[in-house]
Amino acid sequence: MCINLASTWYPRGELPRFIQLLPVLQEKYGHIVTFLSNQNMTFCINDERRKGRYLALEKAIEIPSGSIHYVDMDSLLYWVETK
């Protein structure tokens, strides 16, 4: 089953963590949409921060998959690091 990841993320110096953990995330998810390319990742930029969740989910729905996992990227990075 293909699972798409939809997330919001406002990095505050966490880009190196994200880059380090990206291969793990790419193994787990068919496509990654994060609101803020690599072949299975979409970055969406929006001036209105409050619309980030909605737009990340909207983009993830447009990509065929079995399921969508919505999560805050900060939390996901922590979970992957401490697995």
PDB file of N, CA and C in Angstrom:
ATOM      1  N   MET A   1       0.847  -1.174   0.000  1.00  0.00           N
ATOM      2  CA  MET A   1       0.000   0.000   0.000  1.00  0.00           C
ATOM      3  C   MET A   1       0.895   1.241   0.000  1.00  0.00           C
ATOM      4  N   CYS A   2       0.563   2.187  -0.836  1.00  0.00           N
ATOM      5  CA  CYS A   2       1.307   3.443  -0.925  1.00  0.00           C
ATOM      6  C   CYS A   2       0.690   4.460   0.033  1.00  0.00           C
ATOM      7  N   ILE A   3       1.532   5.050   0.850  1.00  0.00           N
ATOM      8  CA  ILE A   3       1.077   6.066   1.788  1.00  0.00           C
ATOM      9  C   ILE A   3       1.781   7.372   1.455  1.00  0.00           C
ATOM     10  N   ASN A   4       1.015   8.432   1.288  1.00  0.00           N
ATOM     11  CA  ASN A   4       1.576   9.758   1.080  1.00  0.00           C
ATOM     12  C   ASN A   4       1.686  10.469   2.421  1.00  0.00           C
ATOM     13  N   LEU A   5       2.765  11.221   2.587  1.00  0.00           N
ATOM     14  CA  LEU A   5       2.958  12.016   3.791  1.00  0.00           C
ATOM     15  C   LEU A   5       2.588  13.457   3.481  1.00  0.00           C
ATOM     16  N   ALA A   6       1.694  14.024   4.273  1.00  0.00           N
ATOM     17  CA  ALA A   6       1.343  15.445   4.176  1.00  0.00           C
ATOM     18  C   ALA A   6       1.750  16.080   5.493  1.00  0.00           C
ATOM     19  N   SER A   7       2.505  17.167   5.419  1.00  0.00           N
ATOM     20  CA  SER A   7       2.970  17.779   6.658  1.00  0.00           C
ATOM     21  C   SER A   7       3.090  19.284   6.518  1.00  0.00           C
ATOM     22  N   THR A   8       3.102  19.928   7.654  1.00  0.00           N
ATOM     23  CA  THR A   8       3.450  21.336   7.709  1.00  0.00           C
ATOM     24  C   THR A   8       4.773  21.416   8.455  1.00  0.00           C
ATOM     25  N   TRP A   9       5.576  22.425   8.103  1.00  0.00           N
ATOM     26  CA  TRP A   9       6.881  22.533   8.741  1.00  0.00           C
ATOM     27  C   TRP A   9       7.400  23.937   8.587  1.00  0.00           C
ATOM     28  N   TYR A  10       7.785  24.503   9.672  1.00  0.00           N
ATOM     29  CA  TYR A  10       8.404  25.818   9.686  1.00  0.00           C
ATOM     30  C   TYR A  10       9.774  25.652  10.329  1.00  0.00           C
ATOM     31  N   PRO A  11      10.767  25.245   9.523  1.00  0.00           N
ATOM     32  CA  PRO A  11      12.080  24.895  10.084  1.00  0.00           C
ATOM     33  C   PRO A  11      12.753  26.077  10.770  1.00  0.00           C
ATOM     34  N   ARG A  12      13.282  25.768  11.906  1.00  0.00           N
ATOM     35  CA  ARG A  12      14.037  26.755  12.675  1.00  0.00           C
ATOM     36  C   ARG A  12      15.419  26.151  12.929  1.00  0.00           C
ATOM     37  N   GLY A  13      16.215  26.091  11.861  1.00  0.00           N
ATOM     38  CA  GLY A  13      17.545  25.508  11.975  1.00  0.00           C
ATOM     39  C   GLY A  13      17.553  23.992  11.937  1.00  0.00           C
ATOM     40  N   GLU A  14      16.447  23.377  11.513  1.00  0.00           N
ATOM     41  CA  GLU A  14      16.324  21.914  11.522  1.00  0.00           C
ATOM     42  C   GLU A  14      16.573  21.265  10.172  1.00  0.00           C
ATOM     43  N   LEU A  15      16.949  22.036   9.183  1.00  0.00           N
ATOM     44  CA  LEU A  15      17.160  21.464   7.850  1.00  0.00           C
ATOM     45  C   LEU A  15      18.203  20.349   7.850  1.00  0.00           C
ATOM     46  N   PRO A  16      19.318  20.464   8.568  1.00  0.00           N
ATOM     47  CA  PRO A  16      20.274  19.348   8.586  1.00  0.00           C
ATOM     48  C   PRO A  16      19.664  18.046   9.121  1.00  0.00           C
ATOM     49  N   ARG A  17      18.800  18.131  10.150  1.00  0.00           N
ATOM     50  CA  ARG A  17      18.099  16.933  10.653  1.00  0.00           C
ATOM     51  C   ARG A  17      17.227  16.335   9.566  1.00  0.00           C
ATOM     52  N   PHE A  18      16.498  17.197   8.885  1.00  0.00           N
ATOM     53  CA  PHE A  18      15.605  16.741   7.822  1.00  0.00           C
ATOM     54  C   PHE A  18      16.395  16.044   6.715  1.00  0.00           C
ATOM     55  N   ILE A  19      17.490  16.643   6.281  1.00  0.00           N
ATOM     56  CA  ILE A  19      18.308  16.059   5.208  1.00  0.00           C
ATOM     57  C   ILE A  19      18.857  14.703   5.646  1.00  0.00           C
ATOM     58  N   GLN A  20      19.283  14.594   6.894  1.00  0.00           N
ATOM     59  CA  GLN A  20      19.823  13.342   7.400  1.00  0.00           C
ATOM     60  C   GLN A  20      18.755  12.240   7.441  1.00  0.00           C
ATOM     61  N   LEU A  21      17.530  12.597   7.793  1.00  0.00           N
ATOM     62  CA  LEU A  21      16.454  11.613   7.944  1.00  0.00           C
ATOM     63  C   LEU A  21      15.642  11.402   6.669  1.00  0.00           C
ATOM     64  N   LEU A  22      15.866  12.194   5.655  1.00  0.00           N
ATOM     65  CA  LEU A  22      15.094  12.101   4.417  1.00  0.00           C
ATOM     66  C   LEU A  22      15.122  10.702   3.799  1.00  0.00           C
ATOM     67  N   PRO A  23      16.255  10.014   3.717  1.00  0.00           N
ATOM     68  CA  PRO A  23      16.230   8.659   3.142  1.00  0.00           C
ATOM     69  C   PRO A  23      15.299   7.701   3.887  1.00  0.00           C
ATOM     70  N   VAL A  24      15.215   7.834   5.204  1.00  0.00           N
ATOM     71  CA  VAL A  24      14.302   6.994   5.989  1.00  0.00           C
ATOM     72  C   VAL A  24      12.854   7.316   5.626  1.00  0.00           C
ATOM     73  N   LEU A  25      12.531   8.603   5.522  1.00  0.00           N
ATOM     74  CA  LEU A  25      11.170   9.005   5.165  1.00  0.00           C
ATOM     75  C   LEU A  25      10.813   8.549   3.757  1.00  0.00           C
ATOM     76  N   GLN A  26      11.761   8.628   2.834  1.00  0.00           N
ATOM     77  CA  GLN A  26      11.493   8.217   1.448  1.00  0.00           C
ATOM     78  C   GLN A  26      11.243   6.713   1.346  1.00  0.00           C
ATOM     79  N   GLU A  27      11.842   5.937   2.239  1.00  0.00           N
ATOM     80  CA  GLU A  27      11.576   4.493   2.263  1.00  0.00           C
ATOM     81  C   GLU A  27      10.153   4.198   2.711  1.00  0.00           C
ATOM     82  N   LYS A  28       9.635   5.017   3.608  1.00  0.00           N
ATOM     83  CA  LYS A  28       8.336   4.755   4.231  1.00  0.00           C
ATOM     84  C   LYS A  28       7.148   5.297   3.450  1.00  0.00           C
ATOM     85  N   TYR A  29       7.361   6.388   2.695  1.00  0.00           N
ATOM     86  CA  TYR A  29       6.246   7.067   2.043  1.00  0.00           C
ATOM     87  C   TYR A  29       6.415   7.070   0.537  1.00  0.00           C
ATOM     88  N   GLY A  30       5.297   6.922  -0.166  1.00  0.00           N
ATOM     89  CA  GLY A  30       5.313   6.963  -1.619  1.00  0.00           C
ATOM     90  C   GLY A  30       5.584   8.358  -2.149  1.00  0.00           C
ATOM     91  N   HIS A  31       5.095   9.364  -1.460  1.00  0.00           N
ATOM     92  CA  HIS A  31       5.277  10.755  -1.863  1.00  0.00           C
ATOM     93  C   HIS A  31       5.214  11.608  -0.607  1.00  0.00           C
ATOM     94  N   ILE A  32       6.000  12.658  -0.575  1.00  0.00           N
ATOM     95  CA  ILE A  32       6.039  13.552   0.580  1.00  0.00           C
ATOM     96  C   ILE A  32       5.638  14.947   0.127  1.00  0.00           C
ATOM     97  N   VAL A  33       4.610  15.492   0.767  1.00  0.00           N
ATOM     98  CA  VAL A  33       4.196  16.869   0.508  1.00  0.00           C
ATOM     99  C   VAL A  33       4.384  17.620   1.813  1.00  0.00           C
ATOM    100  N   THR A  34       5.257  18.598   1.800  1.00  0.00           N
ATOM    101  CA  THR A  34       5.426  19.401   3.002  1.00  0.00           C
ATOM    102  C   THR A  34       5.266  20.864   2.671  1.00  0.00           C
ATOM    103  N   PHE A  35       4.597  21.563   3.542  1.00  0.00           N
ATOM    104  CA  PHE A  35       4.341  22.968   3.312  1.00  0.00           C
ATOM    105  C   PHE A  35       5.505  23.787   3.822  1.00  0.00           C
ATOM    106  N   LEU A  36       6.166  24.316   3.180  1.00  0.00           N
ATOM    107  CA  LEU A  36       7.241  25.308   3.455  1.00  0.00           C
ATOM    108  C   LEU A  36       7.294  26.429   2.548  1.00  0.00           C
ATOM    109  N   SER A  37      13.391  19.837  -6.130  1.00  0.00           N
ATOM    110  CA  SER A  37      12.644  18.652  -5.746  1.00  0.00           C
ATOM    111  C   SER A  37      13.406  17.401  -6.122  1.00  0.00           C
ATOM    112  N   ASN A  38      13.018  16.943  -4.981  1.00  0.00           N
ATOM    113  CA  ASN A  38      13.500  15.620  -5.280  1.00  0.00           C
ATOM    114  C   ASN A  38      12.336  14.848  -5.876  1.00  0.00           C
ATOM    115  N   GLN A  39      12.602  13.666  -6.404  1.00  0.00           N
ATOM    116  CA  GLN A  39      11.611  12.981  -7.224  1.00  0.00           C
ATOM    117  C   GLN A  39      10.321  12.589  -6.502  1.00  0.00           C
ATOM    118  N   ASN A  40      10.330  12.416  -5.201  1.00  0.00           N
ATOM    119  CA  ASN A  40       9.064  12.077  -4.548  1.00  0.00           C
ATOM    120  C   ASN A  40       8.735  13.058  -3.423  1.00  0.00           C
ATOM    121  N   MET A  41       9.050  14.327  -3.658  1.00  0.00           N
ATOM    122  CA  MET A  41       8.759  15.351  -2.640  1.00  0.00           C
ATOM    123  C   MET A  41       8.270  16.622  -3.299  1.00  0.00           C
ATOM    124  N   THR A  42       7.278  17.236  -2.689  1.00  0.00           N
ATOM    125  CA  THR A  42       6.752  18.503  -3.171  1.00  0.00           C
ATOM    126  C   THR A  42       6.821  19.510  -2.041  1.00  0.00           C
ATOM    127  N   PHE A  43       7.450  20.647  -2.290  1.00  0.00           N
ATOM    128  CA  PHE A  43       7.460  21.737  -1.324  1.00  0.00           C
ATOM    129  C   PHE A  43       6.461  22.781  -1.798  1.00  0.00           C
ATOM    130  N   CYS A  44       5.612  23.232  -0.917  1.00  0.00           N
ATOM    131  CA  CYS A  44       4.627  24.245  -1.239  1.00  0.00           C
ATOM    132  C   CYS A  44       4.943  25.486  -0.411  1.00  0.00           C
ATOM    133  N   ILE A  45       5.003  26.609  -1.054  1.00  0.00           N
ATOM    134  CA  ILE A  45       5.277  27.859  -0.365  1.00  0.00           C
ATOM    135  C   ILE A  45       4.002  28.695  -0.373  1.00  0.00           C
ATOM    136  N   ASN A  46       3.657  29.234   0.780  1.00  0.00           N
ATOM    137  CA  ASN A  46       2.438  30.021   0.903  1.00  0.00           C
ATOM    138  C   ASN A  46       2.692  31.133   1.914  1.00  0.00           C
ATOM    139  N   ASP A  47       2.237  32.321   1.612  1.00  0.00           N
ATOM    140  CA  ASP A  47       2.417  33.446   2.515  1.00  0.00           C
ATOM    141  C   ASP A  47       1.518  33.375   3.748  1.00  0.00           C
ATOM    142  N   GLU A  48       0.411  32.648   3.641  1.00  0.00           N
ATOM    143  CA  GLU A  48      -0.542  32.571   4.746  1.00  0.00           C
ATOM    144  C   GLU A  48      -0.333  31.275   5.516  1.00  0.00           C
ATOM    145  N   ARG A  49       0.402  31.372   6.594  1.00  0.00           N
ATOM    146  CA  ARG A  49       0.778  30.199   7.381  1.00  0.00           C
ATOM    147  C   ARG A  49      -0.431  29.382   7.843  1.00  0.00           C
ATOM    148  N   ARG A  50      -1.521  30.042   8.141  1.00  0.00           N
ATOM    149  CA  ARG A  50      -2.693  29.326   8.657  1.00  0.00           C
ATOM    150  C   ARG A  50      -3.329  28.402   7.622  1.00  0.00           C
ATOM    151  N   LYS A  51      -3.017  28.583   6.344  1.00  0.00           N
ATOM    152  CA  LYS A  51      -3.567  27.713   5.297  1.00  0.00           C
ATOM    153  C   LYS A  51      -2.668  26.520   4.990  1.00  0.00           C
ATOM    154  N   GLY A  52      -1.540  26.412   5.673  1.00  0.00           N
ATOM    155  CA  GLY A  52      -0.563  25.364   5.381  1.00  0.00           C
ATOM    156  C   GLY A  52      -1.114  23.952   5.461  1.00  0.00           C
ATOM    157  N   ARG A  53      -1.850  23.646   6.533  1.00  0.00           N
ATOM    158  CA  ARG A  53      -2.400  22.295   6.685  1.00  0.00           C
ATOM    159  C   ARG A  53      -3.343  21.953   5.542  1.00  0.00           C
ATOM    160  N   TYR A  54      -4.229  22.870   5.259  1.00  0.00           N
ATOM    161  CA  TYR A  54      -5.201  22.655   4.196  1.00  0.00           C
ATOM    162  C   TYR A  54      -4.508  22.406   2.849  1.00  0.00           C
ATOM    163  N   LEU A  55      -3.536  23.242   2.518  1.00  0.00           N
ATOM    164  CA  LEU A  55      -2.876  23.112   1.227  1.00  0.00           C
ATOM    165  C   LEU A  55      -2.004  21.867   1.141  1.00  0.00           C
ATOM    166  N   ALA A  56      -1.347  21.466   2.237  1.00  0.00           N
ATOM    167  CA  ALA A  56      -0.557  20.231   2.236  1.00  0.00           C
ATOM    168  C   ALA A  56      -1.460  19.026   1.991  1.00  0.00           C
ATOM    169  N   LEU A  57      -2.603  18.996   2.657  1.00  0.00           N
ATOM    170  CA  LEU A  57      -3.550  17.892   2.435  1.00  0.00           C
ATOM    171  C   LEU A  57      -4.126  17.920   1.027  1.00  0.00           C
ATOM    172  N   GLU A  58      -4.438  19.104   0.539  1.00  0.00           N
ATOM    173  CA  GLU A  58      -4.981  19.235  -0.808  1.00  0.00           C
ATOM    174  C   GLU A  58      -4.005  18.668  -1.841  1.00  0.00           C
ATOM    175  N   LYS A  59      -2.717  19.008  -1.725  1.00  0.00           N
ATOM    176  CA  LYS A  59      -1.714  18.497  -2.659  1.00  0.00           C
ATOM    177  C   LYS A  59      -1.544  16.989  -2.511  1.00  0.00           C
ATOM    178  N   ALA A  60      -1.545  16.485  -1.275  1.00  0.00           N
ATOM    179  CA  ALA A  60      -1.386  15.046  -1.051  1.00  0.00           C
ATOM    180  C   ALA A  60      -2.551  14.255  -1.642  1.00  0.00           C
ATOM    181  N   ILE A  61      -3.745  14.819  -1.590  1.00  0.00           N
ATOM    182  CA  ILE A  61      -4.928  14.151  -2.156  1.00  0.00           C
ATOM    183  C   ILE A  61      -4.816  14.042  -3.671  1.00  0.00           C
ATOM    184  N   GLU A  62      -4.152  14.996  -4.304  1.00  0.00           N
ATOM    185  CA  GLU A  62      -4.010  14.993  -5.761  1.00  0.00           C
ATOM    186  C   GLU A  62      -3.092  13.871  -6.255  1.00  0.00           C
ATOM    187  N   ILE A  63      -2.268  13.314  -5.380  1.00  0.00           N
ATOM    188  CA  ILE A  63      -1.313  12.271  -5.748  1.00  0.00           C
ATOM    189  C   ILE A  63      -1.921  10.917  -5.398  1.00  0.00           C
ATOM    190  N   PRO A  64      -2.070  10.002  -6.365  1.00  0.00           N
ATOM    191  CA  PRO A  64      -2.692   8.709  -6.090  1.00  0.00           C
ATOM    192  C   PRO A  64      -1.964   7.952  -4.970  1.00  0.00           C
ATOM    193  N   SER A  65      -2.738   7.444  -4.024  1.00  0.00           N
ATOM    194  CA  SER A  65      -2.174   6.644  -2.938  1.00  0.00           C
ATOM    195  C   SER A  65      -3.281   5.866  -2.260  1.00  0.00           C
ATOM    196  N   GLY A  66      -2.886   4.940  -1.398  1.00  0.00           N
ATOM    197  CA  GLY A  66      -3.859   4.198  -0.614  1.00  0.00           C
ATOM    198  C   GLY A  66      -4.314   4.979   0.606  1.00  0.00           C
ATOM    199  N   SER A  67      -3.399   5.775   1.162  1.00  0.00           N
ATOM    200  CA  SER A  67      -3.682   6.522   2.391  1.00  0.00           C
ATOM    201  C   SER A  67      -2.833   7.781   2.449  1.00  0.00           C
ATOM    202  N   ILE A  68      -3.223   8.679   3.349  1.00  0.00           N
ATOM    203  CA  ILE A  68      -2.442   9.884   3.620  1.00  0.00           C
ATOM    204  C   ILE A  68      -2.160   9.925   5.112  1.00  0.00           C
ATOM    205  N   HIS A  69      -0.915  10.163   5.464  1.00  0.00           N
ATOM    206  CA  HIS A  69      -0.516  10.348   6.858  1.00  0.00           C
ATOM    207  C   HIS A  69      -0.211  11.826   7.032  1.00  0.00           C
ATOM    208  N   TYR A  70      -0.999  12.506   7.855  1.00  0.00           N
ATOM    209  CA  TYR A  70      -0.754  13.921   8.127  1.00  0.00           C
ATOM    210  C   TYR A  70      -0.055  14.035   9.469  1.00  0.00           C
ATOM    211  N   VAL A  71       1.042  14.798   9.508  1.00  0.00           N
ATOM    212  CA  VAL A  71       1.789  14.958  10.749  1.00  0.00           C
ATOM    213  C   VAL A  71       2.577  16.263  10.691  1.00  0.00           C
ATOM    214  N   ASP A  72       2.856  16.818  11.839  1.00  0.00           N
ATOM    215  CA  ASP A  72       3.744  17.964  11.939  1.00  0.00           C
ATOM    216  C   ASP A  72       5.168  17.445  11.730  1.00  0.00           C
ATOM    217  N   MET A  73       5.941  18.055  10.835  1.00  0.00           N
ATOM    218  CA  MET A  73       7.262  17.552  10.486  1.00  0.00           C
ATOM    219  C   MET A  73       8.205  17.520  11.685  1.00  0.00           C
ATOM    220  N   ASP A  74       8.130  18.511  12.576  1.00  0.00           N
ATOM    221  CA  ASP A  74       8.981  18.502  13.770  1.00  0.00           C
ATOM    222  C   ASP A  74       8.750  17.231  14.587  1.00  0.00           C
ATOM    223  N   SER A  75       7.496  16.871  14.780  1.00  0.00           N
ATOM    224  CA  SER A  75       7.167  15.665  15.534  1.00  0.00           C
ATOM    225  C   SER A  75       7.662  14.415  14.810  1.00  0.00           C
ATOM    226  N   LEU A  76       7.466  14.365  13.508  1.00  0.00           N
ATOM    227  CA  LEU A  76       7.888  13.198  12.743  1.00  0.00           C
ATOM    228  C   LEU A  76       9.404  13.004  12.795  1.00  0.00           C
ATOM    229  N   LEU A  77      10.157  14.088  12.669  1.00  0.00           N
ATOM    230  CA  LEU A  77      11.612  13.982  12.750  1.00  0.00           C
ATOM    231  C   LEU A  77      12.036  13.433  14.119  1.00  0.00           C
ATOM    232  N   TYR A  78      11.388  13.892  15.166  1.00  0.00           N
ATOM    233  CA  TYR A  78      11.683  13.392  16.507  1.00  0.00           C
ATOM    234  C   TYR A  78      11.375  11.903  16.615  1.00  0.00           C
ATOM    235  N   TRP A  79      10.221  11.485  16.110  1.00  0.00           N
ATOM    236  CA  TRP A  79       9.835  10.071  16.184  1.00  0.00           C
ATOM    237  C   TRP A  79      10.816   9.187  15.423  1.00  0.00           C
ATOM    238  N   VAL A  80      11.237   9.643  14.242  1.00  0.00           N
ATOM    239  CA  VAL A  80      12.185   8.860  13.447  1.00  0.00           C
ATOM    240  C   VAL A  80      13.537   8.774  14.159  1.00  0.00           C
ATOM    241  N   GLU A  81      13.973   9.856  14.756  1.00  0.00           N
ATOM    242  CA  GLU A  81      15.254   9.858  15.473  1.00  0.00           C
ATOM    243  C   GLU A  81      15.256   8.947  16.685  1.00  0.00           C
ATOM    244  N   THR A  82      14.122   8.801  17.341  1.00  0.00           N
ATOM    245  CA  THR A  82      14.072   8.045  18.589  1.00  0.00           C
ATOM    246  C   THR A  82      13.467   6.654  18.424  1.00  0.00           C
ATOM    247  N   LYS A  83      13.268   6.207  17.212  1.00  0.00           N
ATOM    248  CA  LYS A  83      12.645   4.888  16.985  1.00  0.00           C
ATOM    249  C   LYS A  83      13.451   3.759  17.546  1.00  0.00           C
TER     250      LYS A  83
END
